[in-house]
N, C-alpha and C. Protein backbone atom coordinates (compact mmCIF):
# COMPACT_ATOMS: atom_id res chain seq x y z
N UNK A 1 16.46 10.15 -12.16
CA UNK A 1 17.07 11.33 -12.00
C UNK A 1 18.49 11.60 -11.65
N UNK A 2 19.48 11.75 -13.11
CA UNK A 2 20.70 11.61 -12.67
C UNK A 2 21.20 12.78 -12.52
N UNK A 3 22.56 13.14 -11.66
CA UNK A 3 23.04 14.66 -11.70
C UNK A 3 23.17 15.02 -12.77
N UNK A 4 22.99 15.92 -13.43
CA UNK A 4 23.21 16.60 -14.43
C UNK A 4 24.00 17.72 -14.24
N UNK A 5 24.71 18.30 -13.04
CA UNK A 5 25.55 19.23 -13.35
C UNK A 5 24.61 20.46 -12.95
N UNK A 6 23.71 20.37 -13.20
CA UNK A 6 22.58 21.87 -12.97
C UNK A 6 22.72 21.84 -11.55
N UNK A 7 22.56 23.12 -10.70
CA UNK A 7 22.16 23.53 -9.68
C UNK A 7 21.15 22.43 -9.24
N UNK A 8 21.77 22.07 -7.91
CA UNK A 8 20.75 21.13 -6.99
C UNK A 8 19.15 21.71 -6.38
N UNK A 9 19.19 22.87 -6.48
CA UNK A 9 17.75 23.60 -6.09
C UNK A 9 17.09 23.41 -7.34
N UNK A 10 17.77 23.90 -8.70
CA UNK A 10 16.90 24.02 -9.59
C UNK A 10 16.37 22.61 -10.43
N UNK A 11 17.24 21.37 -10.09
CA UNK A 11 16.76 19.89 -10.27
C UNK A 11 16.34 19.68 -9.41
N UNK A 12 15.95 19.80 -8.10
CA UNK A 12 14.87 19.47 -7.56
C UNK A 12 13.83 20.18 -7.90
N UNK A 13 13.82 21.38 -7.99
CA UNK A 13 12.29 22.44 -8.42
C UNK A 13 11.77 21.40 -9.70
N UNK A 14 12.60 21.17 -10.63
CA UNK A 14 12.21 20.40 -12.00
C UNK A 14 11.71 19.10 -11.85
N UNK A 15 12.38 18.44 -10.72
CA UNK A 15 11.74 16.91 -10.17
C UNK A 15 10.67 17.29 -9.94
N UNK A 16 10.37 18.29 -8.63
CA UNK A 16 8.99 18.15 -8.01
C UNK A 16 7.73 18.47 -9.14
N UNK A 17 8.30 19.48 -9.73
CA UNK A 17 7.43 19.88 -10.52
C UNK A 17 6.71 18.86 -11.72
N UNK A 18 7.32 18.14 -11.90
CA UNK A 18 7.19 17.19 -13.13
C UNK A 18 6.74 15.90 -12.59
N UNK A 19 7.06 15.66 -10.98
CA UNK A 19 6.52 14.72 -10.32
C UNK A 19 5.28 14.64 -9.31
N UNK A 20 5.09 15.40 -8.65
CA UNK A 20 4.31 15.76 -7.88
C UNK A 20 2.83 15.62 -8.03
N UNK A 21 2.14 15.62 -9.10
CA UNK A 21 0.89 15.38 -9.45
C UNK A 21 0.92 13.41 -9.32
N UNK A 22 1.53 13.39 -10.23
CA UNK A 22 1.53 11.79 -10.51
C UNK A 22 1.52 10.95 -8.84
N UNK A 23 3.15 11.36 -8.08
CA UNK A 23 2.75 11.08 -7.01
C UNK A 23 1.62 11.19 -5.95
N UNK A 24 0.82 11.63 -6.09
CA UNK A 24 0.15 12.08 -5.30
C UNK A 24 -1.05 11.31 -5.51
N UNK A 25 -1.57 11.02 -6.85
CA UNK A 25 -2.37 10.36 -7.38
C UNK A 25 -2.01 9.08 -6.70
N UNK A 26 -0.47 8.76 -7.01
CA UNK A 26 -0.34 7.10 -6.63
C UNK A 26 -0.72 6.90 -5.44
N UNK A 27 -0.39 7.73 -4.11
CA UNK A 27 -0.78 7.75 -2.81
C UNK A 27 -2.10 7.46 -2.26
N UNK A 28 -2.84 8.63 -3.31
CA UNK A 28 -4.47 8.33 -3.23
C UNK A 28 -5.09 7.03 -3.53
N UNK A 29 -4.48 6.89 -4.77
CA UNK A 29 -4.64 5.44 -4.97
C UNK A 29 -4.45 4.00 -4.06
N UNK A 30 -3.44 4.32 -3.43
CA UNK A 30 -2.83 3.52 -2.78
C UNK A 30 -3.95 3.04 -1.52
N UNK A 31 -5.14 4.08 -1.28
CA UNK A 31 -6.19 3.73 -0.05
C UNK A 31 -6.22 5.28 0.90
N UNK A 32 -5.48 5.78 0.70
CA UNK A 32 -5.23 6.98 1.34
C UNK A 32 -6.19 8.61 0.80
N UNK A 33 -7.08 8.55 1.94
CA UNK A 33 -8.01 9.97 1.45
C UNK A 33 -6.77 11.52 1.04
N UNK A 34 -7.60 11.98 0.48
CA UNK A 34 -6.84 13.20 -0.27
C UNK A 34 -6.27 13.98 0.72
N UNK A 35 -6.95 14.51 1.59
CA UNK A 35 -6.03 15.47 2.36
C UNK A 35 -4.45 14.47 3.21
N UNK A 36 -4.95 13.09 3.52
CA UNK A 36 -3.96 12.89 4.28
C UNK A 36 -2.72 12.49 3.16
N UNK A 37 -3.37 11.99 2.02
CA UNK A 37 -2.12 11.71 1.01
C UNK A 37 -1.57 13.50 0.70
N UNK A 38 -1.95 14.62 0.80
CA UNK A 38 -1.45 15.57 0.43
C UNK A 38 -0.25 15.81 1.57
N UNK A 39 -0.42 15.34 2.79
CA UNK A 39 0.19 15.80 3.51
C UNK A 39 1.29 14.83 3.75
N UNK A 40 1.56 13.41 3.34
CA UNK A 40 2.13 12.47 3.48
C UNK A 40 3.07 12.72 2.33
N UNK A 41 2.62 13.55 1.22
CA UNK A 41 3.43 13.45 -0.08
C UNK A 41 4.40 14.71 0.27
N UNK A 42 3.56 15.76 0.78
CA UNK A 42 4.50 16.91 1.37
C UNK A 42 5.65 16.38 2.18
N UNK A 43 4.99 15.76 3.11
CA UNK A 43 6.36 15.25 3.97
C UNK A 43 7.62 14.23 2.99
N UNK A 44 7.26 13.47 2.33
CA UNK A 44 8.03 12.87 1.35
C UNK A 44 8.97 13.97 0.49
N UNK A 45 8.47 14.97 0.18
CA UNK A 45 9.05 15.75 -0.70
C UNK A 45 10.00 16.56 0.33
N UNK A 46 9.44 16.80 1.34
CA UNK A 46 10.28 17.24 1.95
C UNK A 46 11.50 16.78 2.51
N UNK A 47 11.52 15.58 2.79
CA UNK A 47 13.12 14.27 2.96
C UNK A 47 13.37 14.17 1.93
N UNK A 48 12.92 14.08 0.34
CA UNK A 48 13.32 13.86 -0.59
C UNK A 48 14.54 15.13 -0.83
N UNK A 49 13.72 16.66 -0.59
CA UNK A 49 14.86 17.64 -0.76
C UNK A 49 15.96 17.67 0.68
N UNK A 50 15.65 17.19 1.46
CA UNK A 50 16.82 17.10 2.74
C UNK A 50 18.09 15.95 2.16
N UNK A 51 17.43 15.08 1.25
CA UNK A 51 18.09 14.09 1.04
C UNK A 51 18.49 14.19 -0.51
N UNK A 52 18.79 15.35 -1.27
CA UNK A 52 18.39 15.57 -2.51
C UNK A 52 19.91 14.52 -3.28
N UNK A 53 20.81 14.59 -2.70
CA UNK A 53 22.21 14.18 -3.06
C UNK A 53 22.00 12.75 -3.49
N UNK A 54 21.34 11.87 -2.82
CA UNK A 54 20.92 10.58 -2.64
C UNK A 54 19.83 10.04 -3.61
N UNK A 55 18.91 11.01 -3.27
CA UNK A 55 17.58 10.74 -4.20
C UNK A 55 17.83 10.89 -5.34
N UNK A 56 18.56 11.85 -5.55
CA UNK A 56 18.59 12.18 -7.15
C UNK A 56 19.41 10.98 -7.84
N UNK A 57 20.01 10.39 -7.05
CA UNK A 57 21.04 9.10 -8.17
C UNK A 57 20.08 8.04 -7.68
N UNK A 58 19.01 7.75 -7.08
CA UNK A 58 17.84 6.63 -6.82
C UNK A 58 17.30 5.98 -8.28
N UNK A 59 17.25 5.12 -8.70
CA UNK A 59 17.00 4.67 -9.91
C UNK A 59 15.59 5.11 -10.76
N UNK A 60 14.53 5.20 -9.43
CA UNK A 60 13.14 6.17 -9.57
C UNK A 60 12.91 6.79 -8.67
N UNK A 61 13.40 7.70 -8.75
CA UNK A 61 13.06 8.96 -7.16
C UNK A 61 11.59 9.54 -7.14
N UNK A 62 10.67 9.09 -8.09
CA UNK A 62 9.37 9.64 -7.66
C UNK A 62 8.79 7.89 -7.19
N UNK A 63 9.12 7.15 -6.95
CA UNK A 63 8.78 5.95 -6.54
C UNK A 63 9.48 5.83 -5.32
N UNK A 64 10.60 6.67 -5.17
CA UNK A 64 11.13 6.73 -3.85
C UNK A 64 10.35 7.65 -2.94
N UNK A 65 9.83 8.93 -3.26
CA UNK A 65 8.99 9.70 -2.71
C UNK A 65 7.51 9.33 -2.45
N UNK A 66 6.92 8.18 -3.38
CA UNK A 66 5.62 7.60 -3.04
C UNK A 66 5.97 6.49 -1.86
N UNK A 67 7.05 5.75 -1.72
CA UNK A 67 7.57 4.75 -1.00
C UNK A 67 7.81 5.74 0.69
N UNK A 68 8.15 6.55 0.61
CA UNK A 68 8.34 7.62 1.41
C UNK A 68 6.88 8.08 1.95
N UNK A 69 6.33 8.49 1.19
CA UNK A 69 4.80 8.59 1.88
C UNK A 69 3.98 7.71 2.35
N UNK A 70 4.16 6.57 1.52
CA UNK A 70 3.32 5.57 2.20
C UNK A 70 3.61 5.04 3.28
N UNK A 71 4.81 4.95 3.47
CA UNK A 71 5.49 4.66 5.07
C UNK A 71 5.49 5.66 5.90
N UNK A 72 5.12 7.24 5.93
CA UNK A 72 4.77 8.50 6.80
C UNK A 72 3.09 7.79 6.91
N UNK A 73 2.70 7.29 5.96
CA UNK A 73 0.84 7.46 6.16
C UNK A 73 0.75 6.41 7.21
N UNK A 74 1.69 4.98 7.18
CA UNK A 74 1.34 4.07 7.94
C UNK A 74 1.93 4.47 9.19
N UNK A 75 3.10 5.32 9.48
CA UNK A 75 3.34 5.43 10.93
C UNK A 75 2.62 6.36 11.44
N UNK A 76 1.98 7.32 10.67
CA UNK A 76 1.04 8.45 11.66
C UNK A 76 -0.24 7.26 11.83
N UNK A 77 -0.74 6.60 11.12
CA UNK A 77 -1.93 5.60 11.46
C UNK A 77 -2.04 4.87 12.46
N UNK A 78 -0.32 4.28 12.62
CA UNK A 78 0.00 3.56 13.64
C UNK A 78 -0.52 4.55 15.36
N UNK A 79 0.28 5.66 14.81
CA UNK A 79 -0.23 6.62 16.17
C UNK A 79 -1.27 6.91 16.38
N UNK A 80 -2.03 7.41 15.64
CA UNK A 80 -3.23 7.55 15.74
C UNK A 80 -4.46 6.26 16.40
N UNK A 81 -3.93 5.40 15.66
CA UNK A 81 -4.61 4.32 16.94
C UNK A 81 -4.79 4.14 17.86
N UNK A 82 -3.44 4.93 18.64
CA UNK A 82 -3.79 4.67 19.69
C UNK A 82 -4.32 6.22 20.50
N UNK A 83 -4.70 6.87 19.65
CA UNK A 83 -5.49 8.28 20.14
C UNK A 83 -6.77 8.09 20.75
N UNK A 84 -7.42 8.70 21.23
CA UNK A 84 -8.86 8.29 21.77
C UNK A 84 -9.39 9.11 20.61
N UNK A 85 -10.47 8.97 20.21
CA UNK A 85 -11.33 9.42 19.53
C UNK A 85 -12.57 10.23 20.11
N UNK A 86 -13.00 11.50 20.14
CA UNK A 86 -13.83 12.01 20.61
C UNK A 86 -15.15 12.18 20.02
N UNK A 87 -14.83 12.48 18.86
CA UNK A 87 -16.86 12.29 18.02
C UNK A 87 -16.56 11.61 16.67
N UNK A 88 -16.92 10.77 16.37
CA UNK A 88 -17.03 10.20 14.56
C UNK A 88 -17.83 11.22 14.30
N UNK A 89 -17.54 11.63 12.59
CA UNK A 89 -17.91 12.06 11.88
C UNK A 89 -18.82 11.22 11.40
N UNK A 90 -20.21 11.44 10.60
CA UNK A 90 -20.69 10.72 9.69
C UNK A 90 -20.80 10.92 8.36
N UNK A 91 -20.35 10.47 6.97
CA UNK A 91 -20.33 10.73 5.80
C UNK A 91 -21.87 10.90 5.36
N UNK A 92 -21.77 11.93 4.71
CA UNK A 92 -23.17 12.55 3.55
C UNK A 92 -23.60 11.84 2.59
N UNK A 93 -24.82 11.72 2.93
CA UNK A 93 -25.23 10.88 1.32
C UNK A 93 -24.81 11.97 -0.02
N UNK A 94 -24.24 11.55 -0.75
CA UNK A 94 -24.19 12.48 -2.05
C UNK A 94 -24.58 12.01 -3.33
N UNK A 95 -25.44 12.84 -4.16
CA UNK A 95 -25.65 12.05 -5.35
C UNK A 95 -24.64 12.12 -6.39
N UNK A 96 -23.88 11.29 -7.15
CA UNK A 96 -22.86 11.51 -7.81
C UNK A 96 -23.36 10.82 -9.74
N UNK A 97 -22.76 11.48 -10.33
CA UNK A 97 -23.16 11.31 -11.56
C UNK A 97 -22.50 9.55 -11.77
N UNK A 98 -23.32 9.39 -13.25
CA UNK A 98 -22.52 7.74 -13.63
C UNK A 98 -21.12 7.45 -13.41
N UNK A 99 -20.45 8.53 -13.95
CA UNK A 99 -18.73 8.75 -13.58
C UNK A 99 -18.20 8.92 -12.86
N UNK A 100 -18.52 9.77 -12.07
CA UNK A 100 -17.89 10.21 -10.66
C UNK A 100 -18.54 8.79 -9.78
N UNK A 101 -19.76 8.02 -10.07
CA UNK A 101 -19.83 6.83 -9.01
C UNK A 101 -18.98 5.76 -9.12
N UNK A 102 -18.76 5.79 -10.93
CA UNK A 102 -17.88 4.16 -11.30
C UNK A 102 -16.24 4.99 -10.50
N UNK A 103 -15.67 5.95 -10.47
CA UNK A 103 -14.44 6.14 -9.85
C UNK A 103 -14.29 6.26 -8.59
N UNK A 104 -15.60 6.55 -7.64
CA UNK A 104 -15.84 6.58 -6.63
C UNK A 104 -15.64 5.07 -6.03
N UNK A 105 -16.37 3.93 -6.76
CA UNK A 105 -16.15 2.61 -6.80
C UNK A 105 -15.02 2.03 -6.95
N UNK A 106 -14.13 2.83 -8.13
CA UNK A 106 -12.91 2.30 -8.30
C UNK A 106 -12.08 2.84 -6.95
N UNK A 107 -12.28 3.42 -6.50
CA UNK A 107 -11.21 4.30 -5.05
C UNK A 107 -11.48 3.16 -4.61
N UNK A 108 -13.13 3.19 -3.92
CA UNK A 108 -13.61 2.35 -2.91
C UNK A 108 -12.66 0.88 -2.72
N UNK A 109 -12.98 0.27 -4.07
CA UNK A 109 -12.42 -1.15 -4.22
C UNK A 109 -10.79 -1.11 -4.23
N UNK A 110 -10.33 0.02 -4.81
CA UNK A 110 -8.34 -0.04 -4.53
C UNK A 110 -8.41 0.06 -3.26
N UNK A 111 -8.95 0.86 -1.82
CA UNK A 111 -8.82 1.22 -0.87
C UNK A 111 -9.06 -0.36 -0.33
N UNK A 112 -10.00 -0.87 -0.49
CA UNK A 112 -10.12 -2.22 -0.27
C UNK A 112 -9.25 -3.68 -0.01
N UNK A 113 -8.31 -3.15 -1.52
CA UNK A 113 -6.98 -4.03 -1.58
C UNK A 113 -5.95 -4.32 -0.49
N UNK A 114 -5.80 -5.20 -0.30
CA UNK A 114 -4.62 -5.53 0.65
C UNK A 114 -3.29 -4.29 0.49
N UNK A 115 -2.54 -4.28 1.35
CA UNK A 115 -1.83 -3.29 1.24
C UNK A 115 -1.18 -3.44 0.45
N UNK A 116 -0.24 -4.31 0.28
CA UNK A 116 0.92 -4.49 -0.88
C UNK A 116 0.28 -4.20 -2.11
N UNK A 117 -0.89 -5.01 -2.95
CA UNK A 117 -1.74 -4.91 -3.87
C UNK A 117 -2.06 -3.29 -4.22
N UNK A 118 -2.19 -2.60 -3.25
CA UNK A 118 -2.55 -1.26 -3.10
C UNK A 118 -1.31 -0.49 -3.75
N UNK A 119 -0.07 -0.97 -3.23
CA UNK A 119 1.02 0.17 -3.38
C UNK A 119 1.38 -0.64 -4.74
N UNK A 120 1.41 -1.83 -4.87
CA UNK A 120 1.99 -2.52 -6.37
C UNK A 120 1.02 -1.37 -7.43
N UNK A 121 -0.21 -1.51 -7.33
CA UNK A 121 -1.05 -0.77 -8.38
C UNK A 121 -0.78 0.81 -8.34
N UNK A 122 -0.62 1.19 -7.16
CA UNK A 122 -0.10 2.53 -7.32
C UNK A 122 0.64 2.87 -8.16
N UNK A 123 1.66 2.04 -7.88
CA UNK A 123 3.36 2.54 -8.53
C UNK A 123 3.11 2.14 -9.81
N UNK A 124 2.50 0.53 -10.34
CA UNK A 124 2.50 0.12 -11.72
C UNK A 124 1.23 1.08 -12.91
N UNK A 125 0.48 1.52 -12.21
CA UNK A 125 -0.60 1.84 -12.79
C UNK A 125 -0.62 3.38 -12.82
N UNK A 126 -0.54 3.99 -11.85
CA UNK A 126 -0.65 5.66 -11.57
C UNK A 126 0.84 6.36 -12.10
N UNK A 127 1.75 5.56 -11.39
CA UNK A 127 3.16 6.33 -11.41
C UNK A 127 3.88 5.60 -12.90
N UNK A 128 3.42 4.67 -13.66
CA UNK A 128 3.54 3.80 -14.87
C UNK A 128 4.93 3.41 -14.88
N UNK A 129 5.31 2.90 -13.88
CA UNK A 129 7.07 2.23 -13.03
C UNK A 129 6.80 0.61 -14.05
N UNK A 130 7.53 0.33 -14.24
CA UNK A 130 7.52 -1.05 -14.62
C UNK A 130 8.19 -2.31 -13.89
N UNK A 131 7.92 -3.25 -14.24
CA UNK A 131 7.84 -4.25 -12.82
C UNK A 131 9.35 -4.17 -12.31
N UNK A 132 10.25 -4.31 -13.14
CA UNK A 132 11.57 -4.00 -12.44
C UNK A 132 11.79 -3.02 -11.31
N UNK A 133 11.12 -1.69 -11.72
CA UNK A 133 10.91 -0.51 -10.88
C UNK A 133 10.49 -0.79 -9.48
N UNK A 134 9.27 -1.17 -9.59
CA UNK A 134 8.33 -1.01 -8.79
C UNK A 134 8.92 -2.26 -7.88
N UNK A 135 9.33 -3.26 -8.27
CA UNK A 135 10.09 -4.27 -7.36
C UNK A 135 11.28 -3.56 -6.53
N UNK A 136 11.76 -2.82 -7.47
CA UNK A 136 13.25 -1.91 -6.41
C UNK A 136 12.79 -1.28 -5.25
N UNK A 137 11.68 -0.31 -5.57
CA UNK A 137 10.99 0.33 -4.86
C UNK A 137 10.40 -0.10 -3.69
N UNK A 138 9.22 -1.32 -3.95
CA UNK A 138 8.80 -1.85 -2.71
C UNK A 138 9.78 -3.11 -2.08
N UNK A 139 11.04 -3.31 -2.50
CA UNK A 139 11.60 -4.38 -1.97
C UNK A 139 11.10 -5.62 -1.88
N UNK A 140 10.85 -6.20 -3.20
CA UNK A 140 10.07 -7.23 -3.13
C UNK A 140 10.25 -7.73 -4.91
N UNK A 141 10.39 -9.19 -5.04
CA UNK A 141 10.73 -10.13 -6.19
C UNK A 141 9.89 -9.26 -7.70
N UNK A 142 10.41 -9.29 -8.58
CA UNK A 142 9.92 -8.88 -9.67
C UNK A 142 8.29 -9.79 -9.68
N UNK A 143 8.64 -11.51 -9.62
CA UNK A 143 7.30 -11.94 -9.96
C UNK A 143 6.47 -11.83 -8.39
N UNK A 144 6.80 -11.61 -7.46
CA UNK A 144 5.68 -10.93 -6.38
C UNK A 144 5.01 -9.61 -7.12
N UNK A 145 5.76 -8.60 -7.46
CA UNK A 145 4.83 -7.57 -8.16
C UNK A 145 4.03 -7.95 -9.23
N UNK A 146 3.98 -8.72 -10.24
CA UNK A 146 3.52 -9.14 -10.82
C UNK A 146 2.18 -10.01 -10.44
N UNK A 147 2.90 -10.59 -9.46
CA UNK A 147 1.38 -11.49 -8.93
C UNK A 147 0.46 -10.59 -8.35
N UNK A 148 1.18 -9.60 -6.98
CA UNK A 148 0.33 -8.85 -6.36
C UNK A 148 -0.71 -7.89 -7.92
N UNK A 149 0.12 -7.27 -8.99
CA UNK A 149 -0.81 -6.76 -9.68
C UNK A 149 -1.94 -7.58 -10.46
N UNK A 150 -1.46 -9.09 -10.69
CA UNK A 150 -2.70 -9.83 -11.57
C UNK A 150 -3.82 -9.86 -10.50
N UNK A 151 -3.64 -10.00 -9.06
CA UNK A 151 -4.62 -10.13 -8.25
C UNK A 151 -5.52 -9.03 -7.92
N UNK A 152 -4.41 -7.81 -8.05
CA UNK A 152 -5.35 -6.71 -7.95
C UNK A 152 -6.07 -6.38 -8.63
N UNK A 153 -5.94 -6.67 -10.26
CA UNK A 153 -6.81 -6.14 -11.38
C UNK A 153 -7.83 -7.06 -11.49
N UNK A 154 -7.70 -8.85 -10.82
CA UNK A 154 -9.00 -9.41 -10.90
C UNK A 154 -9.78 -8.97 -10.16
N UNK A 155 -9.62 -8.50 -8.82
CA UNK A 155 -10.09 -7.99 -7.85
C UNK A 155 -11.35 -6.99 -8.60
N UNK A 156 -10.49 -5.91 -8.93
CA UNK A 156 -11.09 -4.85 -9.26
C UNK A 156 -11.71 -5.23 -10.50
N UNK A 157 -11.29 -5.82 -11.33
CA UNK A 157 -12.22 -5.68 -12.26
C UNK A 157 -13.88 -6.47 -11.90
N UNK A 158 -13.94 -7.46 -11.02
CA UNK A 158 -15.09 -7.83 -10.59
C UNK A 158 -15.62 -6.69 -9.72
N UNK A 159 -15.43 -5.84 -9.23
CA UNK A 159 -15.83 -4.69 -8.30
C UNK A 159 -16.06 -3.43 -9.43
N UNK A 160 -15.35 -2.96 -10.33
CA UNK A 160 -15.54 -1.82 -11.09
C UNK A 160 -14.90 -2.47 -12.55
N UNK A 161 -15.92 -3.28 -13.39
CA UNK A 161 -15.36 -3.59 -14.61
C UNK A 161 -15.46 -2.58 -15.66
N UNK A 162 -16.21 -1.62 -15.81
CA UNK A 162 -16.14 -0.27 -16.58
C UNK A 162 -14.89 0.68 -16.53
N UNK A 163 -14.50 0.62 -15.39
CA UNK A 163 -13.60 1.45 -15.04
C UNK A 163 -12.21 0.64 -15.66
N UNK A 164 -12.02 -0.17 -14.98
CA UNK A 164 -10.99 -1.06 -15.06
C UNK A 164 -10.33 -1.48 -16.59
N UNK A 165 -11.01 -1.11 -17.46
CA UNK A 165 -11.06 -1.62 -18.64
C UNK A 165 -9.75 -0.94 -19.12
N UNK A 166 -9.65 0.16 -18.65
CA UNK A 166 -8.37 1.42 -19.40
C UNK A 166 -7.23 0.91 -18.87
N UNK A 167 -7.17 0.64 -17.61
CA UNK A 167 -6.12 0.03 -16.49
C UNK A 167 -5.38 -1.02 -17.45
N UNK A 168 -5.87 -1.62 -18.01
CA UNK A 168 -5.32 -2.97 -18.50
C UNK A 168 -4.13 -2.47 -19.96
């Protein structure tokens, strides 16, 4: 997103409206639960607004938002590790139809991937960034992006083959 001479408030609003869903999906796909992802993405957009002149010149502002959201989630997780859990909640057994079960299996499989592979899948598959944009967003070499994506897709195909056909 480049500075178009438009009102910065309007420019940010347009950016937010056009990217919010994809950014949220990318963060959820990286293995973060929905509620936590929503909080992290909201925080990332607040930070994007605060630094909008800089963020608007970034080569991939949506990737910047996802990266900030992922970093925020990790920081929050590290802080929460030190807190004492008073009560553990138990998941209820839910009967899912086959499509929901496949999606649930895929989400669990993505969550089980190593962190860097989850990040690459989130940016490449859910935000549809190319290898170069993904490498810039994550601060890693393009070849490393390709290797992580290959490993992740190999793992995901073995766990949820019917769902991952469309990701190839």
